[in-house]
Amino acid sequence: MIDPQLLAFQALNGLQLGIMLFLMAAGLTLVFGIMNLINLAHGSLYMVGAYLAAAFQGWTGSFLLAALLAVPATLLLGVVVEIVVLRALYEREHLDQVLATFGLILFFNEAVRIVWGPNALFVALPEFLSGQVELPLGIIYPSYRFAIIAVGLAVALFLYLLIARTRVGMLIRAGATNRAMVGALGVDVKLLYTAVFGLGTALAGLAGLMAGPILSVESGMGEPILILTFVVIVIGGIGSIRGAFLAAVLIGVIDTMGRAFLPGLLRAAFNPSIANAVGPALASMLIYVVMALVLAFRPQGLFPARGA
């Protein structure tokens, strides 16, 4: 019998992971859906956001100031990368984009080692979020993780309003549908691309700085979450912010629940030594099984962009 409080606690952990994945997937799916650019370096920008937050916190002594500085700094870095490196790749084959952005991964990994050294950095929790909050059903949940969920939901609302209710959002949706027509109507497509890429970079930097206090900040930390981000995009539907959000929450909950409960459920049916060996492996495979099923039965994704 599973403890309902433990189940609710792990569900919140899954939602928190899903929010982090959404911040990554939202920017990446916009970049691919509008710019038709495969950006493997998106995880590196997440890593840079975490490093910048650690550095700014060390200089200012404040996590909030570090966050306010790290997000625009990451956005500025993304704009520079887009102008200097990526603009030349828009008309190139996807293989060229993959090779170039993989090169950016190697560049950023070595750059952070040069600037901050090879050892992992640790970001201190802000004091006002270092405690716990009491939720319904008597659930005690860490304040910082709860704040991540709240910030992610606020960002999701902001993106919805931006894309669905503003002129900029109209241009983004039009660019995803027919870029040539948008350009023919007099819209500066290069500027639109830069704005979209900058927005995606800022979201990756936000995810990175929020991950800093709960993960070690180290070179290469962007690659594992990038893999999960691509899984989210495949399941949600390329170019769909709604799909990115729903699929991110789905994957976060499946991954967390699988790791928390699957080994125990297997121990109830199999020899404990077998369950202990097989359980963690099956738990880590769950999200990829889900992705394979989606590709087999709904290759456009569960929640594709309208018109897809």
C-alpha atoms as a PDB file:
ATOM      1  CA  MET A   1       0.000   0.000   0.000  1.00  0.00           C
ATOM      2  CA  ILE A   2       1.462   3.322  -1.095  1.00  0.00           C
ATOM      3  CA  ASP A   3       1.358   6.154   1.422  1.00  0.00           C
ATOM      4  CA  PRO A   4      -0.877   8.931  -0.052  1.00  0.00           C
ATOM      5  CA  GLN A   5       1.394  11.625   1.405  1.00  0.00           C
ATOM      6  CA  LEU A   6       4.446  10.038  -0.212  1.00  0.00           C
ATOM      7  CA  LEU A   7       2.539   9.751  -3.491  1.00  0.00           C
ATOM      8  CA  ALA A   8       1.576  13.447  -3.358  1.00  0.00           C
ATOM      9  CA  PHE A   9       5.139  14.418  -2.414  1.00  0.00           C
ATOM     10  CA  GLN A  10       6.588  12.538  -5.385  1.00  0.00           C
ATOM     11  CA  ALA A  11       3.906  14.008  -7.643  1.00  0.00           C
ATOM     12  CA  LEU A  12       5.105  17.475  -6.623  1.00  0.00           C
ATOM     13  CA  ASN A  13       8.689  16.418  -7.331  1.00  0.00           C
ATOM     14  CA  GLY A  14       7.544  15.249 -10.757  1.00  0.00           C
ATOM     15  CA  LEU A  15       5.794  18.561 -11.373  1.00  0.00           C
ATOM     16  CA  GLN A  16       8.946  20.433 -10.329  1.00  0.00           C
ATOM     17  CA  LEU A  17      11.058  18.384 -12.760  1.00  0.00           C
ATOM     18  CA  GLY A  18       8.434  18.937 -15.445  1.00  0.00           C
ATOM     19  CA  ILE A  19       8.587  22.701 -14.908  1.00  0.00           C
ATOM     20  CA  MET A  20      12.363  22.658 -15.371  1.00  0.00           C
ATOM     21  CA  LEU A  21      11.961  20.635 -18.550  1.00  0.00           C
ATOM     22  CA  PHE A  22       9.284  23.027 -19.800  1.00  0.00           C
ATOM     23  CA  LEU A  23      11.582  26.037 -19.425  1.00  0.00           C
ATOM     24  CA  MET A  24      14.115  24.212 -21.579  1.00  0.00           C
ATOM     25  CA  ALA A  25      11.644  22.772 -24.076  1.00  0.00           C
ATOM     26  CA  ALA A  26       9.667  25.992 -24.631  1.00  0.00           C
ATOM     27  CA  GLY A  27      12.646  27.851 -26.032  1.00  0.00           C
ATOM     28  CA  LEU A  28      14.001  24.913 -27.997  1.00  0.00           C
ATOM     29  CA  THR A  29      10.676  24.059 -29.632  1.00  0.00           C
ATOM     30  CA  LEU A  30      10.203  27.703 -30.669  1.00  0.00           C
ATOM     31  CA  VAL A  31      13.681  27.809 -32.175  1.00  0.00           C
ATOM     32  CA  PHE A  32      13.133  24.627 -34.154  1.00  0.00           C
ATOM     33  CA  GLY A  33       9.522  25.354 -35.087  1.00  0.00           C
ATOM     34  CA  ILE A  34      10.172  28.891 -36.320  1.00  0.00           C
ATOM     35  CA  MET A  35      13.835  28.923 -37.345  1.00  0.00           C
ATOM     36  CA  ASN A  36      14.042  25.267 -38.441  1.00  0.00           C
ATOM     37  CA  LEU A  37      17.288  25.122 -36.493  1.00  0.00           C
ATOM     38  CA  ILE A  38      18.471  22.083 -34.544  1.00  0.00           C
ATOM     39  CA  ASN A  39      20.353  23.583 -31.617  1.00  0.00           C
ATOM     40  CA  LEU A  40      22.252  20.964 -29.641  1.00  0.00           C
ATOM     41  CA  ALA A  41      23.926  23.767 -27.667  1.00  0.00           C
ATOM     42  CA  HIS A  42      20.695  24.665 -25.861  1.00  0.00           C
ATOM     43  CA  GLY A  43      21.798  22.631 -22.851  1.00  0.00           C
ATOM     44  CA  SER A  44      25.078  24.547 -22.795  1.00  0.00           C
ATOM     45  CA  LEU A  45      23.153  27.802 -22.408  1.00  0.00           C
ATOM     46  CA  TYR A  46      21.351  26.221 -19.450  1.00  0.00           C
ATOM     47  CA  MET A  47      24.780  25.437 -18.002  1.00  0.00           C
ATOM     48  CA  VAL A  48      26.030  28.973 -18.609  1.00  0.00           C
ATOM     49  CA  GLY A  49      22.949  30.365 -16.851  1.00  0.00           C
ATOM     50  CA  ALA A  50      23.792  28.259 -13.789  1.00  0.00           C
ATOM     51  CA  TYR A  51      27.442  29.372 -13.824  1.00  0.00           C
ATOM     52  CA  LEU A  52      26.499  33.036 -14.207  1.00  0.00           C
ATOM     53  CA  ALA A  53      24.051  32.763 -11.307  1.00  0.00           C
ATOM     54  CA  ALA A  54      26.774  31.199  -9.131  1.00  0.00           C
ATOM     55  CA  ALA A  55      29.229  33.933 -10.096  1.00  0.00           C
ATOM     56  CA  PHE A  56      26.784  36.798  -9.559  1.00  0.00           C
ATOM     57  CA  GLN A  57      25.703  35.373  -6.208  1.00  0.00           C
ATOM     58  CA  GLY A  58      29.329  35.229  -5.160  1.00  0.00           C
ATOM     59  CA  TRP A  59      29.807  38.876  -6.118  1.00  0.00           C
ATOM     60  CA  THR A  60      26.555  40.284  -4.737  1.00  0.00           C
ATOM     61  CA  GLY A  61      25.774  37.862  -1.909  1.00  0.00           C
ATOM     62  CA  SER A  62      22.139  37.780  -3.050  1.00  0.00           C
ATOM     63  CA  PHE A  63      20.396  35.023  -4.984  1.00  0.00           C
ATOM     64  CA  LEU A  64      17.684  37.396  -6.233  1.00  0.00           C
ATOM     65  CA  LEU A  65      20.222  39.886  -7.593  1.00  0.00           C
ATOM     66  CA  ALA A  66      22.111  36.997  -9.156  1.00  0.00           C
ATOM     67  CA  ALA A  67      18.913  35.841 -10.879  1.00  0.00           C
ATOM     68  CA  LEU A  68      18.108  39.348 -12.117  1.00  0.00           C
ATOM     69  CA  LEU A  69      21.598  39.596 -13.614  1.00  0.00           C
ATOM     70  CA  ALA A  70      22.020  36.041 -14.898  1.00  0.00           C
ATOM     71  CA  VAL A  71      18.877  35.883 -17.062  1.00  0.00           C
ATOM     72  CA  PRO A  72      19.617  39.020 -19.167  1.00  0.00           C
ATOM     73  CA  ALA A  73      23.297  38.061 -19.318  1.00  0.00           C
ATOM     74  CA  THR A  74      22.373  34.653 -20.724  1.00  0.00           C
ATOM     75  CA  LEU A  75      19.953  36.319 -23.149  1.00  0.00           C
ATOM     76  CA  LEU A  76      22.735  38.636 -24.345  1.00  0.00           C
ATOM     77  CA  LEU A  77      25.057  35.678 -24.825  1.00  0.00           C
ATOM     78  CA  GLY A  78      22.371  33.921 -26.863  1.00  0.00           C
ATOM     79  CA  VAL A  79      21.915  36.968 -29.081  1.00  0.00           C
ATOM     80  CA  VAL A  80      25.667  37.074 -29.727  1.00  0.00           C
ATOM     81  CA  VAL A  81      25.755  33.357 -30.556  1.00  0.00           C
ATOM     82  CA  GLU A  82      22.786  33.734 -32.911  1.00  0.00           C
ATOM     83  CA  ILE A  83      24.323  36.656 -34.774  1.00  0.00           C
ATOM     84  CA  VAL A  84      27.886  35.370 -34.934  1.00  0.00           C
ATOM     85  CA  VAL A  85      27.379  31.637 -35.445  1.00  0.00           C
ATOM     86  CA  LEU A  86      23.825  30.553 -36.171  1.00  0.00           C
ATOM     87  CA  ARG A  87      22.665  33.016 -38.809  1.00  0.00           C
ATOM     88  CA  ALA A  88      24.905  31.333 -41.352  1.00  0.00           C
ATOM     89  CA  LEU A  89      23.220  27.981 -40.669  1.00  0.00           C
ATOM     90  CA  TYR A  90      19.560  28.759 -41.377  1.00  0.00           C
ATOM     91  CA  GLU A  91      19.724  27.744 -45.028  1.00  0.00           C
ATOM     92  CA  ARG A  92      22.087  24.833 -44.410  1.00  0.00           C
ATOM     93  CA  GLU A  93      21.228  21.180 -43.998  1.00  0.00           C
ATOM     94  CA  HIS A  94      20.286  19.884 -40.559  1.00  0.00           C
ATOM     95  CA  LEU A  95      23.503  17.850 -40.456  1.00  0.00           C
ATOM     96  CA  ASP A  96      25.512  21.086 -40.707  1.00  0.00           C
ATOM     97  CA  GLN A  97      23.456  22.577 -37.871  1.00  0.00           C
ATOM     98  CA  VAL A  98      24.013  19.501 -35.703  1.00  0.00           C
ATOM     99  CA  LEU A  99      27.778  19.571 -36.273  1.00  0.00           C
ATOM    100  CA  ALA A 100      28.061  23.318 -35.658  1.00  0.00           C
ATOM    101  CA  THR A 101      25.989  23.331 -32.484  1.00  0.00           C
ATOM    102  CA  PHE A 102      27.795  20.222 -31.219  1.00  0.00           C
ATOM    103  CA  GLY A 103      30.962  22.250 -31.659  1.00  0.00           C
ATOM    104  CA  LEU A 104      29.369  24.939 -29.501  1.00  0.00           C
ATOM    105  CA  ILE A 105      28.810  22.342 -26.760  1.00  0.00           C
ATOM    106  CA  LEU A 106      32.531  21.565 -26.722  1.00  0.00           C
ATOM    107  CA  PHE A 107      33.374  25.278 -26.804  1.00  0.00           C
ATOM    108  CA  PHE A 108      31.129  26.188 -23.863  1.00  0.00           C
ATOM    109  CA  ASN A 109      32.231  23.186 -21.782  1.00  0.00           C
ATOM    110  CA  GLU A 110      35.867  24.177 -22.157  1.00  0.00           C
ATOM    111  CA  ALA A 111      35.094  27.879 -21.698  1.00  0.00           C
ATOM    112  CA  VAL A 112      33.483  27.365 -18.289  1.00  0.00           C
ATOM    113  CA  ARG A 113      36.421  25.194 -17.225  1.00  0.00           C
ATOM    114  CA  ILE A 114      38.813  27.965 -18.191  1.00  0.00           C
ATOM    115  CA  VAL A 115      36.804  30.712 -16.480  1.00  0.00           C
ATOM    116  CA  TRP A 116      35.565  28.898 -13.354  1.00  0.00           C
ATOM    117  CA  GLY A 117      37.896  25.931 -13.106  1.00  0.00           C
ATOM    118  CA  PRO A 118      37.241  22.173 -13.300  1.00  0.00           C
ATOM    119  CA  ASN A 119      35.629  21.822  -9.859  1.00  0.00           C
ATOM    120  CA  ALA A 120      31.868  21.961  -9.360  1.00  0.00           C
ATOM    121  CA  LEU A 121      30.317  25.109  -7.914  1.00  0.00           C
ATOM    122  CA  PHE A 122      27.468  25.237  -5.431  1.00  0.00           C
ATOM    123  CA  VAL A 123      24.804  27.925  -5.251  1.00  0.00           C
ATOM    124  CA  ALA A 124      23.470  28.713  -1.786  1.00  0.00           C
ATOM    125  CA  LEU A 125      19.732  28.589  -1.261  1.00  0.00           C
ATOM    126  CA  PRO A 126      18.203  32.008  -0.645  1.00  0.00           C
ATOM    127  CA  GLU A 127      17.553  32.278   3.070  1.00  0.00           C
ATOM    128  CA  PHE A 128      13.864  33.097   2.710  1.00  0.00           C
ATOM    129  CA  LEU A 129      13.361  29.912   0.653  1.00  0.00           C
ATOM    130  CA  SER A 130      15.490  27.585   2.755  1.00  0.00           C
ATOM    131  CA  GLY A 131      12.589  26.301   4.865  1.00  0.00           C
ATOM    132  CA  GLN A 132       9.526  24.243   4.123  1.00  0.00           C
ATOM    133  CA  VAL A 133       5.880  24.944   3.390  1.00  0.00           C
ATOM    134  CA  GLU A 134       2.926  22.988   4.697  1.00  0.00           C
ATOM    135  CA  LEU A 135       0.442  22.022   2.001  1.00  0.00           C
ATOM    136  CA  PRO A 136      -2.970  20.336   2.216  1.00  0.00           C
ATOM    137  CA  LEU A 137      -3.033  16.698   3.375  1.00  0.00           C
ATOM    138  CA  GLY A 138      -0.219  17.515   5.784  1.00  0.00           C
ATOM    139  CA  ILE A 139       2.435  17.487   3.067  1.00  0.00           C
ATOM    140  CA  ILE A 140       5.673  19.242   4.034  1.00  0.00           C
ATOM    141  CA  TYR A 141       7.482  20.394   0.908  1.00  0.00           C
ATOM    142  CA  PRO A 142      10.748  22.350   0.464  1.00  0.00           C
ATOM    143  CA  SER A 143      10.030  26.034  -0.101  1.00  0.00           C
ATOM    144  CA  TYR A 144      12.595  26.396  -2.881  1.00  0.00           C
ATOM    145  CA  ARG A 145      11.197  23.542  -4.944  1.00  0.00           C
ATOM    146  CA  PHE A 146       7.709  24.951  -4.455  1.00  0.00           C
ATOM    147  CA  ALA A 147       9.024  28.331  -5.677  1.00  0.00           C
ATOM    148  CA  ILE A 148      10.376  26.637  -8.818  1.00  0.00           C
ATOM    149  CA  ILE A 149       6.890  25.320  -9.553  1.00  0.00           C
ATOM    150  CA  ALA A 150       5.343  28.767  -8.986  1.00  0.00           C
ATOM    151  CA  VAL A 151       7.900  30.536 -11.200  1.00  0.00           C
ATOM    152  CA  GLY A 152       7.471  27.935 -13.950  1.00  0.00           C
ATOM    153  CA  LEU A 153       3.694  28.315 -13.939  1.00  0.00           C
ATOM    154  CA  ALA A 154       4.082  32.102 -14.095  1.00  0.00           C
ATOM    155  CA  VAL A 155       6.447  31.762 -17.066  1.00  0.00           C
ATOM    156  CA  ALA A 156       3.989  29.409 -18.796  1.00  0.00           C
ATOM    157  CA  LEU A 157       1.219  32.003 -18.357  1.00  0.00           C
ATOM    158  CA  PHE A 158       3.512  34.737 -19.667  1.00  0.00           C
ATOM    159  CA  LEU A 159       4.396  32.713 -22.766  1.00  0.00           C
ATOM    160  CA  TYR A 160       0.736  31.961 -23.424  1.00  0.00           C
ATOM    161  CA  LEU A 161      -0.185  35.636 -23.236  1.00  0.00           C
ATOM    162  CA  LEU A 162       2.840  36.634 -25.321  1.00  0.00           C
ATOM    163  CA  ILE A 163       2.191  34.182 -28.126  1.00  0.00           C
ATOM    164  CA  ALA A 164      -1.612  34.146 -28.139  1.00  0.00           C
ATOM    165  CA  ARG A 165      -2.462  37.776 -27.308  1.00  0.00           C
ATOM    166  CA  THR A 166       0.278  40.093 -28.625  1.00  0.00           C
ATOM    167  CA  ARG A 167       1.514  41.315 -31.994  1.00  0.00           C
ATOM    168  CA  VAL A 168       4.909  39.756 -31.333  1.00  0.00           C
ATOM    169  CA  GLY A 169       3.190  36.451 -30.703  1.00  0.00           C
ATOM    170  CA  MET A 170       1.240  36.815 -33.925  1.00  0.00           C
ATOM    171  CA  LEU A 171       4.509  37.265 -35.825  1.00  0.00           C
ATOM    172  CA  ILE A 172       6.010  34.254 -34.064  1.00  0.00           C
ATOM    173  CA  ARG A 173       3.029  32.088 -35.012  1.00  0.00           C
ATOM    174  CA  ALA A 174       3.082  33.413 -38.567  1.00  0.00           C
ATOM    175  CA  GLY A 175       6.807  32.777 -38.820  1.00  0.00           C
ATOM    176  CA  ALA A 176       6.293  29.194 -37.726  1.00  0.00           C
ATOM    177  CA  THR A 177       3.623  28.735 -40.421  1.00  0.00           C
ATOM    178  CA  ASN A 178       5.133  30.552 -43.413  1.00  0.00           C
ATOM    179  CA  ARG A 179       8.415  32.389 -42.987  1.00  0.00           C
ATOM    180  CA  ALA A 180       8.644  33.459 -46.604  1.00  0.00           C
ATOM    181  CA  MET A 181       5.259  35.174 -46.474  1.00  0.00           C
ATOM    182  CA  VAL A 182       6.167  36.975 -43.233  1.00  0.00           C
ATOM    183  CA  GLY A 183       9.304  38.308 -44.891  1.00  0.00           C
ATOM    184  CA  ALA A 184       7.360  39.363 -47.979  1.00  0.00           C
ATOM    185  CA  LEU A 185       5.033  41.408 -45.762  1.00  0.00           C
ATOM    186  CA  GLY A 186       7.946  43.539 -44.619  1.00  0.00           C
ATOM    187  CA  VAL A 187       8.759  41.892 -41.297  1.00  0.00           C
ATOM    188  CA  ASP A 188      12.460  41.824 -40.422  1.00  0.00           C
ATOM    189  CA  VAL A 189      12.834  38.056 -40.248  1.00  0.00           C
ATOM    190  CA  LYS A 190      16.428  38.263 -38.993  1.00  0.00           C
ATOM    191  CA  LEU A 191      15.332  40.416 -36.069  1.00  0.00           C
ATOM    192  CA  LEU A 192      12.429  38.040 -35.375  1.00  0.00           C
ATOM    193  CA  TYR A 193      14.815  35.090 -35.326  1.00  0.00           C
ATOM    194  CA  THR A 194      17.167  36.917 -32.966  1.00  0.00           C
ATOM    195  CA  ALA A 195      14.285  37.764 -30.622  1.00  0.00           C
ATOM    196  CA  VAL A 196      13.010  34.178 -30.607  1.00  0.00           C
ATOM    197  CA  PHE A 197      16.469  32.750 -30.004  1.00  0.00           C
ATOM    198  CA  GLY A 198      17.114  35.296 -27.260  1.00  0.00           C
ATOM    199  CA  LEU A 199      13.830  34.355 -25.568  1.00  0.00           C
ATOM    200  CA  GLY A 200      14.717  30.669 -25.717  1.00  0.00           C
ATOM    201  CA  THR A 201      18.161  31.386 -24.327  1.00  0.00           C
ATOM    202  CA  ALA A 202      16.717  33.418 -21.448  1.00  0.00           C
ATOM    203  CA  LEU A 203      14.382  30.530 -20.557  1.00  0.00           C
ATOM    204  CA  ALA A 204      17.318  28.098 -20.589  1.00  0.00           C
ATOM    205  CA  GLY A 205      19.310  30.471 -18.384  1.00  0.00           C
ATOM    206  CA  LEU A 206      16.359  30.733 -15.977  1.00  0.00           C
ATOM    207  CA  ALA A 207      16.164  26.945 -15.757  1.00  0.00           C
ATOM    208  CA  GLY A 208      19.904  26.769 -15.140  1.00  0.00           C
ATOM    209  CA  LEU A 209      19.962  29.333 -12.348  1.00  0.00           C
ATOM    210  CA  MET A 210      17.011  27.656 -10.613  1.00  0.00           C
ATOM    211  CA  ALA A 211      18.766  24.285 -10.864  1.00  0.00           C
ATOM    212  CA  GLY A 212      21.923  25.698  -9.276  1.00  0.00           C
ATOM    213  CA  PRO A 213      20.840  25.374  -5.620  1.00  0.00           C
ATOM    214  CA  ILE A 214      19.606  21.783  -6.019  1.00  0.00           C
ATOM    215  CA  LEU A 215      22.303  20.443  -8.376  1.00  0.00           C
ATOM    216  CA  SER A 216      26.038  20.903  -8.583  1.00  0.00           C
ATOM    217  CA  VAL A 217      27.049  23.470 -11.213  1.00  0.00           C
ATOM    218  CA  GLU A 218      29.650  21.813 -13.394  1.00  0.00           C
ATOM    219  CA  SER A 219      30.872  21.553 -16.948  1.00  0.00           C
ATOM    220  CA  GLY A 220      28.678  19.267 -19.039  1.00  0.00           C
ATOM    221  CA  MET A 221      25.602  19.591 -16.815  1.00  0.00           C
ATOM    222  CA  GLY A 222      23.508  20.643 -19.813  1.00  0.00           C
ATOM    223  CA  GLU A 223      23.743  17.401 -21.773  1.00  0.00           C
ATOM    224  CA  PRO A 224      21.518  15.155 -19.583  1.00  0.00           C
ATOM    225  CA  ILE A 225      18.682  17.675 -19.438  1.00  0.00           C
ATOM    226  CA  LEU A 226      19.010  18.334 -23.177  1.00  0.00           C
ATOM    227  CA  ILE A 227      18.210  14.678 -23.877  1.00  0.00           C
ATOM    228  CA  LEU A 228      15.078  14.875 -21.727  1.00  0.00           C
ATOM    229  CA  THR A 229      14.178  18.147 -23.443  1.00  0.00           C
ATOM    230  CA  PHE A 230      14.214  16.507 -26.864  1.00  0.00           C
ATOM    231  CA  VAL A 231      12.003  13.723 -25.501  1.00  0.00           C
ATOM    232  CA  VAL A 232       9.545  16.364 -24.295  1.00  0.00           C
ATOM    233  CA  ILE A 233       9.502  18.083 -27.691  1.00  0.00           C
ATOM    234  CA  VAL A 234       8.910  14.826 -29.547  1.00  0.00           C
ATOM    235  CA  ILE A 235       6.045  13.865 -27.254  1.00  0.00           C
ATOM    236  CA  GLY A 236       4.483  17.331 -27.070  1.00  0.00           C
ATOM    237  CA  GLY A 237       4.795  18.288 -30.727  1.00  0.00           C
ATOM    238  CA  ILE A 238       7.377  20.472 -32.421  1.00  0.00           C
ATOM    239  CA  GLY A 239       6.587  24.182 -32.281  1.00  0.00           C
ATOM    240  CA  SER A 240       3.850  23.854 -29.663  1.00  0.00           C
ATOM    241  CA  ILE A 241       4.281  25.702 -26.359  1.00  0.00           C
ATOM    242  CA  ARG A 242       1.122  24.037 -25.049  1.00  0.00           C
ATOM    243  CA  GLY A 243       2.542  20.681 -26.056  1.00  0.00           C
ATOM    244  CA  ALA A 244       5.885  21.480 -24.430  1.00  0.00           C
ATOM    245  CA  PHE A 245       4.188  22.299 -21.132  1.00  0.00           C
ATOM    246  CA  LEU A 246       1.867  19.291 -21.013  1.00  0.00           C
ATOM    247  CA  ALA A 247       4.511  16.850 -22.214  1.00  0.00           C
ATOM    248  CA  ALA A 248       7.105  18.238 -19.768  1.00  0.00           C
ATOM    249  CA  VAL A 249       4.749  17.719 -16.823  1.00  0.00           C
ATOM    250  CA  LEU A 250       3.864  14.249 -18.117  1.00  0.00           C
ATOM    251  CA  ILE A 251       7.522  13.241 -18.473  1.00  0.00           C
ATOM    252  CA  GLY A 252       8.483  14.781 -15.138  1.00  0.00           C
ATOM    253  CA  VAL A 253       5.777  12.853 -13.301  1.00  0.00           C
ATOM    254  CA  ILE A 254       6.444   9.566 -15.130  1.00  0.00           C
ATOM    255  CA  ASP A 255      10.197   9.782 -14.521  1.00  0.00           C
ATOM    256  CA  THR A 256       9.829  10.690 -10.836  1.00  0.00           C
ATOM    257  CA  MET A 257       7.088   8.177 -10.070  1.00  0.00           C
ATOM    258  CA  GLY A 258       8.939   5.423 -11.913  1.00  0.00           C
ATOM    259  CA  ARG A 259      12.152   5.968  -9.981  1.00  0.00           C
ATOM    260  CA  ALA A 260      10.304   6.278  -6.668  1.00  0.00           C
ATOM    261  CA  PHE A 261       7.850   3.364  -6.863  1.00  0.00           C
ATOM    262  CA  LEU A 262       8.714   0.918  -9.659  1.00  0.00           C
ATOM    263  CA  PRO A 263      11.552  -0.875  -7.813  1.00  0.00           C
ATOM    264  CA  GLY A 264       9.267  -1.361  -4.795  1.00  0.00           C
ATOM    265  CA  LEU A 265       6.418  -2.680  -6.944  1.00  0.00           C
ATOM    266  CA  LEU A 266       8.766  -5.149  -8.615  1.00  0.00           C
ATOM    267  CA  ARG A 267       9.994  -6.360  -5.217  1.00  0.00           C
ATOM    268  CA  ALA A 268       6.416  -7.366  -4.432  1.00  0.00           C
ATOM    269  CA  ALA A 269       6.345  -9.674  -7.460  1.00  0.00           C
ATOM    270  CA  PHE A 270       9.951 -10.815  -7.932  1.00  0.00           C
ATOM    271  CA  ASN A 271      12.980 -11.800  -5.953  1.00  0.00           C
ATOM    272  CA  PRO A 272      14.356  -8.664  -4.185  1.00  0.00           C
ATOM    273  CA  SER A 273      17.785  -9.025  -5.780  1.00  0.00           C
ATOM    274  CA  ILE A 274      16.232  -9.180  -9.254  1.00  0.00           C
ATOM    275  CA  ALA A 275      13.877  -6.292  -8.498  1.00  0.00           C
ATOM    276  CA  ASN A 276      16.736  -4.153  -7.161  1.00  0.00           C
ATOM    277  CA  ALA A 277      18.750  -4.794 -10.302  1.00  0.00           C
ATOM    278  CA  VAL A 278      15.972  -4.438 -12.858  1.00  0.00           C
ATOM    279  CA  GLY A 279      13.808  -1.761 -11.198  1.00  0.00           C
ATOM    280  CA  PRO A 280      16.076   1.282 -11.607  1.00  0.00           C
ATOM    281  CA  ALA A 281      16.860   0.324 -15.217  1.00  0.00           C
ATOM    282  CA  LEU A 282      13.173  -0.018 -16.099  1.00  0.00           C
ATOM    283  CA  ALA A 283      12.397   3.254 -14.333  1.00  0.00           C
ATOM    284  CA  SER A 284      14.980   5.101 -16.402  1.00  0.00           C
ATOM    285  CA  MET A 285      13.559   3.522 -19.578  1.00  0.00           C
ATOM    286  CA  LEU A 286       9.941   4.526 -18.966  1.00  0.00           C
ATOM    287  CA  ILE A 287      10.091   7.924 -20.635  1.00  0.00           C
ATOM    288  CA  TYR A 288      11.757   6.478 -23.720  1.00  0.00           C
ATOM    289  CA  VAL A 289       9.101   3.790 -23.933  1.00  0.00           C
ATOM    290  CA  VAL A 290       6.484   6.547 -23.837  1.00  0.00           C
ATOM    291  CA  MET A 291       8.334   8.421 -26.591  1.00  0.00           C
ATOM    292  CA  ALA A 292       8.511   5.287 -28.749  1.00  0.00           C
ATOM    293  CA  LEU A 293       4.770   4.722 -28.361  1.00  0.00           C
ATOM    294  CA  VAL A 294       4.025   8.328 -29.301  1.00  0.00           C
ATOM    295  CA  LEU A 295       6.252   8.085 -32.382  1.00  0.00           C
ATOM    296  CA  ALA A 296       4.529   4.849 -33.388  1.00  0.00           C
ATOM    297  CA  PHE A 297       0.923   5.992 -33.000  1.00  0.00           C
ATOM    298  CA  ARG A 298       1.031   9.804 -33.152  1.00  0.00           C
ATOM    299  CA  PRO A 299       4.299  10.945 -34.773  1.00  0.00           C
ATOM    300  CA  GLN A 300       3.226  14.614 -34.877  1.00  0.00           C
ATOM    301  CA  GLY A 301       3.143  14.598 -31.062  1.00  0.00           C
ATOM    302  CA  LEU A 302       0.312  14.469 -28.538  1.00  0.00           C
ATOM    303  CA  PHE A 303      -0.341  18.222 -28.572  1.00  0.00           C
ATOM    304  CA  PRO A 304       0.967  19.555 -31.916  1.00  0.00           C
ATOM    305  CA  ALA A 305       0.855  23.186 -32.901  1.00  0.00           C
ATOM    306  CA  ARG A 306      -2.375  24.155 -34.641  1.00  0.00           C
ATOM    307  CA  GLY A 307      -2.160  23.397 -38.305  1.00  0.00           C
ATOM    308  CA  ALA A 308       0.492  20.709 -37.817  1.00  0.00           C
END
